[in-house]
Every structure is written in C-alpha cells, then in structure tokens.
N, C-alpha and C. Protein backbone atom coordinates (compact mmCIF):
# COMPACT_ATOMS: atom_id res chain seq x y z
N MET A 1 3.86 12.92 8.86
CA MET A 1 3.53 11.53 8.74
C MET A 1 4.55 10.71 9.53
N PRO A 2 4.10 9.78 10.37
CA PRO A 2 5.06 8.98 11.16
C PRO A 2 5.79 7.98 10.29
N ARG A 3 7.05 7.75 10.64
CA ARG A 3 7.84 6.74 9.94
C ARG A 3 7.50 5.36 10.47
N ILE A 4 7.37 4.40 9.58
CA ILE A 4 7.12 3.02 9.97
C ILE A 4 8.39 2.23 9.65
N ALA A 5 9.01 1.68 10.68
CA ALA A 5 10.25 0.95 10.45
C ALA A 5 10.41 -0.13 11.51
N GLY A 6 11.38 -0.98 11.26
CA GLY A 6 11.75 -1.99 12.25
C GLY A 6 10.66 -2.99 12.54
N LEU A 7 10.33 -3.13 13.81
CA LEU A 7 9.38 -4.12 14.28
C LEU A 7 8.01 -3.98 13.62
N TRP A 8 7.51 -2.74 13.53
CA TRP A 8 6.19 -2.52 12.95
C TRP A 8 6.15 -2.91 11.48
N MET A 9 7.21 -2.63 10.75
CA MET A 9 7.26 -3.00 9.33
C MET A 9 7.22 -4.52 9.19
N GLY A 10 7.93 -5.23 10.06
CA GLY A 10 7.90 -6.69 10.03
C GLY A 10 6.53 -7.24 10.33
N ILE A 11 5.86 -6.68 11.34
CA ILE A 11 4.51 -7.14 11.71
C ILE A 11 3.54 -6.89 10.56
N ILE A 12 3.61 -5.71 9.96
CA ILE A 12 2.73 -5.39 8.84
C ILE A 12 2.98 -6.35 7.68
N ALA A 13 4.25 -6.64 7.38
CA ALA A 13 4.59 -7.55 6.28
C ALA A 13 4.04 -8.95 6.54
N ILE A 14 4.15 -9.43 7.77
CA ILE A 14 3.64 -10.77 8.11
C ILE A 14 2.12 -10.81 7.96
N VAL A 15 1.43 -9.82 8.49
CA VAL A 15 -0.04 -9.78 8.42
C VAL A 15 -0.50 -9.72 6.96
N VAL A 16 0.12 -8.85 6.17
CA VAL A 16 -0.27 -8.73 4.77
C VAL A 16 0.04 -10.03 4.02
N GLY A 17 1.17 -10.65 4.31
CA GLY A 17 1.50 -11.93 3.69
C GLY A 17 0.48 -13.01 4.00
N ILE A 18 0.05 -13.09 5.24
CA ILE A 18 -0.97 -14.07 5.63
C ILE A 18 -2.29 -13.78 4.92
N LEU A 19 -2.67 -12.50 4.87
CA LEU A 19 -3.92 -12.14 4.20
C LEU A 19 -3.88 -12.51 2.72
N ILE A 20 -2.73 -12.31 2.07
CA ILE A 20 -2.62 -12.63 0.65
C ILE A 20 -2.67 -14.15 0.43
N ILE A 21 -2.10 -14.92 1.35
CA ILE A 21 -2.18 -16.38 1.24
C ILE A 21 -3.62 -16.85 1.43
N VAL A 22 -4.32 -16.26 2.40
CA VAL A 22 -5.70 -16.67 2.69
C VAL A 22 -6.65 -16.18 1.60
N PHE A 23 -6.45 -14.94 1.14
CA PHE A 23 -7.32 -14.34 0.12
C PHE A 23 -6.47 -13.92 -1.08
N PRO A 24 -6.20 -14.82 -2.03
CA PRO A 24 -5.31 -14.48 -3.15
C PRO A 24 -5.80 -13.29 -3.98
N ASP A 25 -7.12 -13.12 -4.11
CA ASP A 25 -7.64 -11.99 -4.88
C ASP A 25 -7.36 -10.66 -4.19
N LEU A 26 -7.06 -10.71 -2.90
CA LEU A 26 -6.76 -9.49 -2.16
C LEU A 26 -5.54 -8.79 -2.72
N LEU A 27 -4.57 -9.56 -3.23
CA LEU A 27 -3.36 -8.96 -3.80
C LEU A 27 -3.70 -8.04 -4.97
N ASN A 28 -4.62 -8.46 -5.81
CA ASN A 28 -5.03 -7.62 -6.94
C ASN A 28 -5.63 -6.31 -6.44
N TRP A 29 -6.48 -6.38 -5.43
CA TRP A 29 -7.09 -5.17 -4.88
C TRP A 29 -6.06 -4.25 -4.25
N ILE A 30 -5.13 -4.83 -3.49
CA ILE A 30 -4.10 -4.02 -2.83
C ILE A 30 -3.23 -3.31 -3.87
N LEU A 31 -2.79 -4.05 -4.88
CA LEU A 31 -1.95 -3.45 -5.92
C LEU A 31 -2.72 -2.39 -6.70
N GLY A 32 -3.97 -2.67 -7.03
CA GLY A 32 -4.78 -1.71 -7.76
C GLY A 32 -4.97 -0.42 -6.96
N LEU A 33 -5.32 -0.56 -5.70
CA LEU A 33 -5.52 0.63 -4.85
C LEU A 33 -4.22 1.39 -4.66
N ALA A 34 -3.11 0.67 -4.50
CA ALA A 34 -1.82 1.34 -4.32
C ALA A 34 -1.45 2.14 -5.57
N LEU A 35 -1.68 1.56 -6.75
CA LEU A 35 -1.37 2.28 -7.98
C LEU A 35 -2.26 3.51 -8.15
N ILE A 36 -3.54 3.40 -7.80
CA ILE A 36 -4.44 4.54 -7.90
C ILE A 36 -3.99 5.65 -6.96
N VAL A 37 -3.67 5.29 -5.72
CA VAL A 37 -3.23 6.29 -4.74
C VAL A 37 -1.93 6.95 -5.19
N MET A 38 -0.97 6.16 -5.67
CA MET A 38 0.30 6.74 -6.13
C MET A 38 0.07 7.65 -7.33
N GLY A 39 -0.84 7.28 -8.21
CA GLY A 39 -1.16 8.13 -9.36
C GLY A 39 -1.76 9.45 -8.94
N ILE A 40 -2.69 9.40 -7.98
CA ILE A 40 -3.31 10.63 -7.48
C ILE A 40 -2.27 11.51 -6.82
N ILE A 41 -1.40 10.92 -6.03
CA ILE A 41 -0.35 11.69 -5.35
C ILE A 41 0.59 12.32 -6.38
N ALA A 42 0.84 11.64 -7.49
CA ALA A 42 1.73 12.18 -8.52
C ALA A 42 1.05 13.30 -9.32
N VAL A 43 -0.26 13.22 -9.52
CA VAL A 43 -0.97 14.18 -10.35
C VAL A 43 -1.31 15.47 -9.60
N ILE A 44 -1.63 15.37 -8.33
CA ILE A 44 -2.08 16.54 -7.55
C ILE A 44 -1.08 17.71 -7.61
N PRO A 45 0.22 17.50 -7.41
CA PRO A 45 1.13 18.66 -7.46
C PRO A 45 1.11 19.38 -8.81
N SER A 46 0.96 18.64 -9.91
CA SER A 46 0.96 19.30 -11.21
C SER A 46 -0.34 20.06 -11.46
N LEU A 47 -1.43 19.69 -10.78
CA LEU A 47 -2.69 20.40 -10.92
C LEU A 47 -2.69 21.72 -10.15
N ARG A 48 -1.86 21.81 -9.13
CA ARG A 48 -1.82 23.01 -8.30
C ARG A 48 -1.07 24.17 -8.95
N ARG A 49 -0.36 23.91 -10.05
CA ARG A 49 0.42 24.97 -10.71
C ARG A 49 -0.45 25.93 -11.44
C-alpha cells in the first residue's frame, strides 16, 4: 500500500474539508463508513485463526 504524506495529505484534507462544509451530512457517512471498514479490518484476522 502506498504511503500518503506531505503535499497529498494536505490536498486530501482540504478537499474533504470543503466537501464537509458544502455537504454537512457527508461527515456522518464518512465516519460511519470509516468505522465499518476499521471494524472489518479488525475482525478479519481473528476469523482466520
């Protein structure tokens, strides 16, 4: 997986910030999806045992 740092991280933060200001409900969707993905990533290794 490529590392995202520096300039690209700043650009991504600015774009996401603008999207959240324009679409406030988008923040709920982003957080919800992020939590679901993190949960799946956390559960998969324990299922492989």
